[in-house]
Amino acid sequence: MQTKNANPPIRLTGRHVTISGAIKEYFERKVACLHLDYPRIVEVHGILNIEKYRHTAEVILRCSNHITIKASSESDDMYASIDQVADRIARKMRKFHTRLMRNGLARRHSVRTGPSELRGLYC
């Protein structure tokens, strides 16, 4: 596992809300473990928004190779929104990482063997 970028820079923006130290620390703690699934994260940008009875949390990950992964969540509690968005972004990262691995595996096999032999593996 690559641990070179274990602590990517985290930017936190608040819209219609002042970011307290507790919310900032909670967000950083939730996002800190994301490098375990996809270790090449360049930057994490979090946007917290409060409207009437609506707390929205959004995370934008900028990864290497010009990859951007976005997720957002909305609930009536800011901490619940941060929990949900952390789960969603981790799920999206695992899905994307699996897709990269599967496509890399398919390309390696297509070079060694013919495409007719691959039809039975992935269909």
N, C-alpha and C. Protein backbone atom coordinates (compact mmCIF):
# COMPACT_ATOMS: atom_id res chain seq x y z
N MET A 1 0.83 -1.17 0.00
CA MET A 1 0.00 0.00 0.00
C MET A 1 0.88 1.24 0.00
N GLN A 2 0.44 2.21 -0.73
CA GLN A 2 1.19 3.45 -0.84
C GLN A 2 0.79 4.38 0.31
N THR A 3 1.74 4.80 1.10
CA THR A 3 1.46 5.70 2.21
C THR A 3 2.13 7.05 2.00
N LYS A 4 2.52 7.33 0.78
CA LYS A 4 3.21 8.59 0.48
C LYS A 4 2.32 9.79 0.78
N ASN A 5 1.05 9.72 0.40
CA ASN A 5 0.14 10.83 0.58
C ASN A 5 -0.88 10.46 1.65
N ALA A 6 -0.41 10.12 2.83
CA ALA A 6 -1.29 9.65 3.89
C ALA A 6 -2.18 10.77 4.43
N ASN A 7 -1.70 11.99 4.44
CA ASN A 7 -2.49 13.12 4.93
C ASN A 7 -2.64 14.17 3.84
N PRO A 8 -3.63 14.00 2.94
CA PRO A 8 -3.80 14.99 1.88
C PRO A 8 -4.32 16.29 2.47
N PRO A 9 -4.06 17.42 1.81
CA PRO A 9 -4.59 18.69 2.32
C PRO A 9 -6.11 18.72 2.25
N ILE A 10 -6.71 19.20 3.32
CA ILE A 10 -8.17 19.25 3.42
C ILE A 10 -8.60 20.71 3.49
N ARG A 11 -9.44 21.12 2.55
CA ARG A 11 -10.04 22.46 2.58
C ARG A 11 -11.50 22.31 2.98
N LEU A 12 -11.95 23.13 3.89
CA LEU A 12 -13.33 23.07 4.35
C LEU A 12 -13.96 24.43 4.17
N THR A 13 -15.06 24.48 3.43
CA THR A 13 -15.76 25.72 3.14
C THR A 13 -17.14 25.65 3.75
N GLY A 14 -17.56 26.74 4.36
CA GLY A 14 -18.90 26.81 4.93
C GLY A 14 -19.75 27.83 4.20
N ARG A 15 -20.91 27.43 3.78
CA ARG A 15 -21.86 28.33 3.15
C ARG A 15 -23.01 28.56 4.11
N HIS A 16 -23.23 29.77 4.47
CA HIS A 16 -24.28 30.17 5.42
C HIS A 16 -24.06 29.56 6.80
N VAL A 17 -22.80 29.23 7.10
CA VAL A 17 -22.48 28.67 8.40
C VAL A 17 -21.03 29.00 8.72
N THR A 18 -20.76 29.25 9.98
CA THR A 18 -19.37 29.39 10.41
C THR A 18 -18.90 28.02 10.88
N ILE A 19 -17.73 27.66 10.45
CA ILE A 19 -17.19 26.34 10.75
C ILE A 19 -16.54 26.39 12.14
N SER A 20 -17.08 25.63 13.06
CA SER A 20 -16.50 25.58 14.40
C SER A 20 -15.35 24.58 14.43
N GLY A 21 -14.58 24.64 15.46
CA GLY A 21 -13.46 23.72 15.59
C GLY A 21 -13.91 22.28 15.72
N ALA A 22 -15.05 22.05 16.38
CA ALA A 22 -15.55 20.69 16.57
C ALA A 22 -15.98 20.08 15.24
N ILE A 23 -16.68 20.85 14.42
CA ILE A 23 -17.13 20.33 13.12
C ILE A 23 -15.93 20.09 12.21
N LYS A 24 -14.97 21.01 12.23
CA LYS A 24 -13.78 20.85 11.40
C LYS A 24 -13.00 19.59 11.81
N GLU A 25 -12.83 19.40 13.09
CA GLU A 25 -12.10 18.23 13.58
C GLU A 25 -12.85 16.94 13.25
N TYR A 26 -14.18 16.95 13.37
CA TYR A 26 -14.99 15.78 13.05
C TYR A 26 -14.89 15.44 11.56
N PHE A 27 -14.96 16.45 10.70
CA PHE A 27 -14.85 16.24 9.26
C PHE A 27 -13.48 15.68 8.89
N GLU A 28 -12.43 16.24 9.46
CA GLU A 28 -11.08 15.76 9.17
C GLU A 28 -10.88 14.33 9.64
N ARG A 29 -11.46 13.98 10.78
CA ARG A 29 -11.32 12.61 11.29
C ARG A 29 -12.05 11.61 10.39
N LYS A 30 -13.21 12.00 9.86
CA LYS A 30 -13.97 11.12 8.98
C LYS A 30 -13.29 10.95 7.62
N VAL A 31 -12.65 12.00 7.12
CA VAL A 31 -12.05 11.97 5.79
C VAL A 31 -10.62 11.44 5.84
N ALA A 32 -10.02 11.39 7.01
CA ALA A 32 -8.61 11.00 7.12
C ALA A 32 -8.36 9.56 6.69
N CYS A 33 -9.34 8.69 6.83
CA CYS A 33 -9.10 7.28 6.49
C CYS A 33 -9.39 6.97 5.03
N LEU A 34 -9.70 7.95 4.22
CA LEU A 34 -10.02 7.69 2.81
C LEU A 34 -8.83 7.24 1.99
N HIS A 35 -7.62 7.60 2.38
CA HIS A 35 -6.45 7.21 1.59
C HIS A 35 -6.20 5.71 1.64
N LEU A 36 -6.87 4.99 2.52
CA LEU A 36 -6.68 3.55 2.60
C LEU A 36 -7.28 2.84 1.40
N ASP A 37 -8.39 3.38 0.85
CA ASP A 37 -9.02 2.75 -0.30
C ASP A 37 -8.36 3.15 -1.61
N TYR A 38 -8.02 4.39 -1.74
CA TYR A 38 -7.41 4.90 -2.98
C TYR A 38 -6.32 5.87 -2.57
N PRO A 39 -5.06 5.44 -2.50
CA PRO A 39 -4.03 6.21 -1.82
C PRO A 39 -3.50 7.44 -2.55
N ARG A 40 -3.88 7.68 -3.79
CA ARG A 40 -3.30 8.79 -4.53
C ARG A 40 -4.22 10.01 -4.55
N ILE A 41 -4.69 10.44 -3.40
CA ILE A 41 -5.55 11.62 -3.30
C ILE A 41 -4.66 12.85 -3.24
N VAL A 42 -4.94 13.82 -4.11
CA VAL A 42 -4.16 15.04 -4.16
C VAL A 42 -4.75 16.09 -3.22
N GLU A 43 -6.09 16.21 -3.19
CA GLU A 43 -6.73 17.24 -2.38
C GLU A 43 -8.15 16.82 -2.02
N VAL A 44 -8.58 17.19 -0.83
CA VAL A 44 -9.95 16.96 -0.38
C VAL A 44 -10.58 18.32 -0.13
N HIS A 45 -11.75 18.56 -0.75
CA HIS A 45 -12.46 19.81 -0.55
C HIS A 45 -13.85 19.49 -0.01
N GLY A 46 -14.14 19.98 1.18
CA GLY A 46 -15.44 19.76 1.80
C GLY A 46 -16.24 21.04 1.81
N ILE A 47 -17.52 20.94 1.49
CA ILE A 47 -18.42 22.10 1.48
C ILE A 47 -19.59 21.77 2.40
N LEU A 48 -19.76 22.58 3.41
CA LEU A 48 -20.87 22.43 4.36
C LEU A 48 -21.84 23.58 4.16
N ASN A 49 -23.13 23.26 4.02
CA ASN A 49 -24.14 24.27 3.72
C ASN A 49 -25.32 24.06 4.64
N ILE A 50 -25.84 25.16 5.17
CA ILE A 50 -27.03 25.10 6.00
C ILE A 50 -28.08 26.01 5.40
N GLU A 51 -29.23 25.44 5.09
CA GLU A 51 -30.40 26.19 4.70
C GLU A 51 -31.48 25.88 5.73
N LYS A 52 -32.64 26.37 5.53
CA LYS A 52 -33.70 26.17 6.52
C LYS A 52 -34.04 24.69 6.66
N TYR A 53 -33.77 24.12 7.83
CA TYR A 53 -34.02 22.71 8.15
C TYR A 53 -33.30 21.74 7.22
N ARG A 54 -32.24 22.17 6.56
CA ARG A 54 -31.54 21.31 5.62
C ARG A 54 -30.04 21.52 5.79
N HIS A 55 -29.34 20.49 6.19
CA HIS A 55 -27.89 20.52 6.36
C HIS A 55 -27.28 19.66 5.26
N THR A 56 -26.45 20.25 4.43
CA THR A 56 -25.86 19.55 3.29
C THR A 56 -24.35 19.50 3.45
N ALA A 57 -23.79 18.32 3.20
CA ALA A 57 -22.34 18.14 3.19
C ALA A 57 -21.95 17.58 1.82
N GLU A 58 -20.89 18.14 1.25
CA GLU A 58 -20.41 17.72 -0.06
C GLU A 58 -18.90 17.54 0.01
N VAL A 59 -18.40 16.48 -0.62
CA VAL A 59 -16.97 16.21 -0.66
C VAL A 59 -16.54 16.07 -2.11
N ILE A 60 -15.47 16.77 -2.46
CA ILE A 60 -14.88 16.68 -3.79
C ILE A 60 -13.45 16.22 -3.61
N LEU A 61 -13.13 15.05 -4.17
CA LEU A 61 -11.77 14.50 -4.10
C LEU A 61 -11.08 14.72 -5.44
N ARG A 62 -9.92 15.29 -5.39
CA ARG A 62 -9.09 15.40 -6.59
C ARG A 62 -7.96 14.40 -6.43
N CYS A 63 -7.93 13.44 -7.34
CA CYS A 63 -6.94 12.37 -7.28
C CYS A 63 -5.96 12.51 -8.43
N SER A 64 -4.96 11.67 -8.42
CA SER A 64 -3.97 11.71 -9.50
C SER A 64 -4.62 11.29 -10.81
N ASN A 65 -3.95 11.56 -11.90
CA ASN A 65 -4.42 11.26 -13.26
C ASN A 65 -5.72 11.99 -13.60
N HIS A 66 -5.93 13.19 -13.06
CA HIS A 66 -7.07 14.05 -13.37
C HIS A 66 -8.41 13.39 -13.05
N ILE A 67 -8.47 12.67 -11.96
CA ILE A 67 -9.70 12.00 -11.54
C ILE A 67 -10.35 12.84 -10.45
N THR A 68 -11.64 13.12 -10.61
CA THR A 68 -12.41 13.86 -9.62
C THR A 68 -13.59 13.01 -9.20
N ILE A 69 -13.75 12.82 -7.90
CA ILE A 69 -14.85 12.03 -7.35
C ILE A 69 -15.65 12.94 -6.43
N LYS A 70 -16.96 13.01 -6.65
CA LYS A 70 -17.83 13.89 -5.86
C LYS A 70 -18.93 13.08 -5.19
N ALA A 71 -19.33 13.54 -4.00
CA ALA A 71 -20.46 12.95 -3.30
C ALA A 71 -21.08 14.02 -2.41
N SER A 72 -22.39 13.93 -2.22
CA SER A 72 -23.07 14.88 -1.35
C SER A 72 -24.15 14.16 -0.57
N SER A 73 -24.53 14.76 0.55
CA SER A 73 -25.55 14.17 1.41
C SER A 73 -26.32 15.29 2.08
N GLU A 74 -27.57 15.00 2.40
CA GLU A 74 -28.43 16.01 3.00
C GLU A 74 -29.26 15.37 4.11
N SER A 75 -29.32 16.03 5.25
CA SER A 75 -30.15 15.56 6.36
C SER A 75 -30.49 16.76 7.24
N ASP A 76 -31.09 16.48 8.39
CA ASP A 76 -31.45 17.57 9.29
C ASP A 76 -30.41 17.80 10.38
N ASP A 77 -29.29 17.09 10.33
CA ASP A 77 -28.20 17.25 11.29
C ASP A 77 -26.87 17.26 10.53
N MET A 78 -26.00 18.20 10.86
CA MET A 78 -24.74 18.33 10.13
C MET A 78 -23.83 17.12 10.35
N TYR A 79 -23.78 16.60 11.56
CA TYR A 79 -22.94 15.45 11.84
C TYR A 79 -23.43 14.21 11.08
N ALA A 80 -24.74 14.05 10.98
CA ALA A 80 -25.29 12.93 10.21
C ALA A 80 -24.97 13.09 8.73
N SER A 81 -25.01 14.31 8.23
CA SER A 81 -24.67 14.56 6.82
C SER A 81 -23.21 14.22 6.55
N ILE A 82 -22.33 14.59 7.47
CA ILE A 82 -20.91 14.28 7.30
C ILE A 82 -20.68 12.77 7.33
N ASP A 83 -21.38 12.06 8.22
CA ASP A 83 -21.26 10.60 8.26
C ASP A 83 -21.70 9.97 6.94
N GLN A 84 -22.85 10.41 6.43
CA GLN A 84 -23.38 9.85 5.19
C GLN A 84 -22.48 10.14 4.01
N VAL A 85 -21.96 11.36 3.92
CA VAL A 85 -21.12 11.69 2.77
C VAL A 85 -19.79 10.96 2.84
N ALA A 86 -19.28 10.72 4.03
CA ALA A 86 -18.03 9.95 4.16
C ALA A 86 -18.25 8.50 3.70
N ASP A 87 -19.39 7.92 4.04
CA ASP A 87 -19.69 6.57 3.58
C ASP A 87 -19.87 6.53 2.07
N ARG A 88 -20.55 7.52 1.52
CA ARG A 88 -20.80 7.54 0.08
C ARG A 88 -19.51 7.73 -0.72
N ILE A 89 -18.64 8.62 -0.26
CA ILE A 89 -17.41 8.86 -1.02
C ILE A 89 -16.50 7.64 -0.93
N ALA A 90 -16.49 6.95 0.22
CA ALA A 90 -15.68 5.73 0.34
C ALA A 90 -16.21 4.65 -0.59
N ARG A 91 -17.54 4.53 -0.70
CA ARG A 91 -18.13 3.55 -1.59
C ARG A 91 -17.80 3.86 -3.05
N LYS A 92 -17.88 5.14 -3.42
CA LYS A 92 -17.54 5.53 -4.79
C LYS A 92 -16.08 5.28 -5.11
N MET A 93 -15.21 5.53 -4.13
CA MET A 93 -13.79 5.29 -4.35
C MET A 93 -13.49 3.81 -4.54
N ARG A 94 -14.12 2.95 -3.71
CA ARG A 94 -13.91 1.51 -3.87
C ARG A 94 -14.43 1.03 -5.21
N LYS A 95 -15.58 1.57 -5.62
CA LYS A 95 -16.16 1.19 -6.91
C LYS A 95 -15.24 1.60 -8.05
N PHE A 96 -14.72 2.81 -7.98
CA PHE A 96 -13.83 3.29 -9.03
C PHE A 96 -12.53 2.50 -9.06
N HIS A 97 -11.99 2.19 -7.88
CA HIS A 97 -10.75 1.43 -7.78
C HIS A 97 -10.95 0.02 -8.34
N THR A 98 -12.09 -0.60 -8.05
CA THR A 98 -12.39 -1.92 -8.58
C THR A 98 -12.52 -1.88 -10.09
N ARG A 99 -13.15 -0.84 -10.61
CA ARG A 99 -13.29 -0.70 -12.05
C ARG A 99 -11.93 -0.54 -12.72
N LEU A 100 -11.04 0.23 -12.11
CA LEU A 100 -9.69 0.37 -12.67
C LEU A 100 -8.96 -0.97 -12.68
N MET A 101 -9.06 -1.71 -11.58
CA MET A 101 -8.37 -2.99 -11.50
C MET A 101 -8.95 -3.99 -12.51
N ARG A 102 -10.27 -4.01 -12.65
CA ARG A 102 -10.90 -4.93 -13.58
C ARG A 102 -10.51 -4.60 -15.02
N ASN A 103 -10.50 -3.33 -15.37
CA ASN A 103 -10.13 -2.93 -16.73
C ASN A 103 -8.65 -3.20 -16.99
N GLY A 104 -7.82 -3.00 -16.01
CA GLY A 104 -6.40 -3.32 -16.17
C GLY A 104 -6.19 -4.80 -16.38
N LEU A 105 -6.95 -5.61 -15.64
CA LEU A 105 -6.87 -7.05 -15.78
C LEU A 105 -7.34 -7.47 -17.17
N ALA A 106 -8.41 -6.86 -17.66
CA ALA A 106 -8.93 -7.21 -18.98
C ALA A 106 -7.94 -6.83 -20.06
N ARG A 107 -7.27 -5.70 -19.92
CA ARG A 107 -6.28 -5.29 -20.93
C ARG A 107 -5.09 -6.24 -20.94
N ARG A 108 -4.64 -6.70 -19.77
CA ARG A 108 -3.51 -7.62 -19.73
C ARG A 108 -3.86 -8.95 -20.40
N HIS A 109 -5.06 -9.44 -20.14
CA HIS A 109 -5.46 -10.71 -20.73
C HIS A 109 -5.68 -10.58 -22.23
N SER A 110 -6.18 -9.45 -22.69
CA SER A 110 -6.44 -9.30 -24.12
C SER A 110 -5.14 -9.24 -24.91
N VAL A 111 -4.05 -8.81 -24.30
CA VAL A 111 -2.77 -8.79 -24.99
C VAL A 111 -2.21 -10.20 -25.10
N ARG A 112 -2.35 -11.01 -24.04
CA ARG A 112 -1.80 -12.36 -24.04
C ARG A 112 -2.65 -13.33 -24.85
N THR A 113 -3.96 -13.25 -24.68
CA THR A 113 -4.85 -14.18 -25.34
C THR A 113 -5.76 -13.43 -26.29
N GLY A 114 -6.48 -14.16 -27.07
CA GLY A 114 -7.40 -13.55 -28.03
C GLY A 114 -8.68 -13.12 -27.36
N PRO A 115 -9.46 -12.26 -28.02
CA PRO A 115 -10.72 -11.78 -27.42
C PRO A 115 -11.77 -12.88 -27.31
N SER A 116 -11.68 -13.94 -28.09
CA SER A 116 -12.67 -15.01 -28.01
C SER A 116 -12.58 -15.76 -26.67
N GLU A 117 -11.39 -15.84 -26.09
CA GLU A 117 -11.22 -16.53 -24.82
C GLU A 117 -11.74 -15.69 -23.66
N LEU A 118 -11.81 -14.37 -23.83
CA LEU A 118 -12.27 -13.50 -22.76
C LEU A 118 -13.78 -13.44 -22.67
N ARG A 119 -14.48 -13.83 -23.70
CA ARG A 119 -15.94 -13.72 -23.68
C ARG A 119 -16.55 -14.56 -22.56
N GLY A 120 -16.00 -15.70 -22.29
CA GLY A 120 -16.53 -16.55 -21.24
C GLY A 120 -16.22 -16.04 -19.85
N LEU A 121 -15.16 -15.24 -19.70
CA LEU A 121 -14.77 -14.75 -18.37
C LEU A 121 -15.64 -13.63 -17.87
N TYR A 122 -16.05 -12.70 -18.72
CA TYR A 122 -16.71 -11.49 -18.27
C TYR A 122 -18.17 -11.39 -18.67
N CYS A 123 -18.73 -12.38 -19.33
CA CYS A 123 -20.14 -12.31 -19.75
C CYS A 123 -21.02 -13.09 -18.81
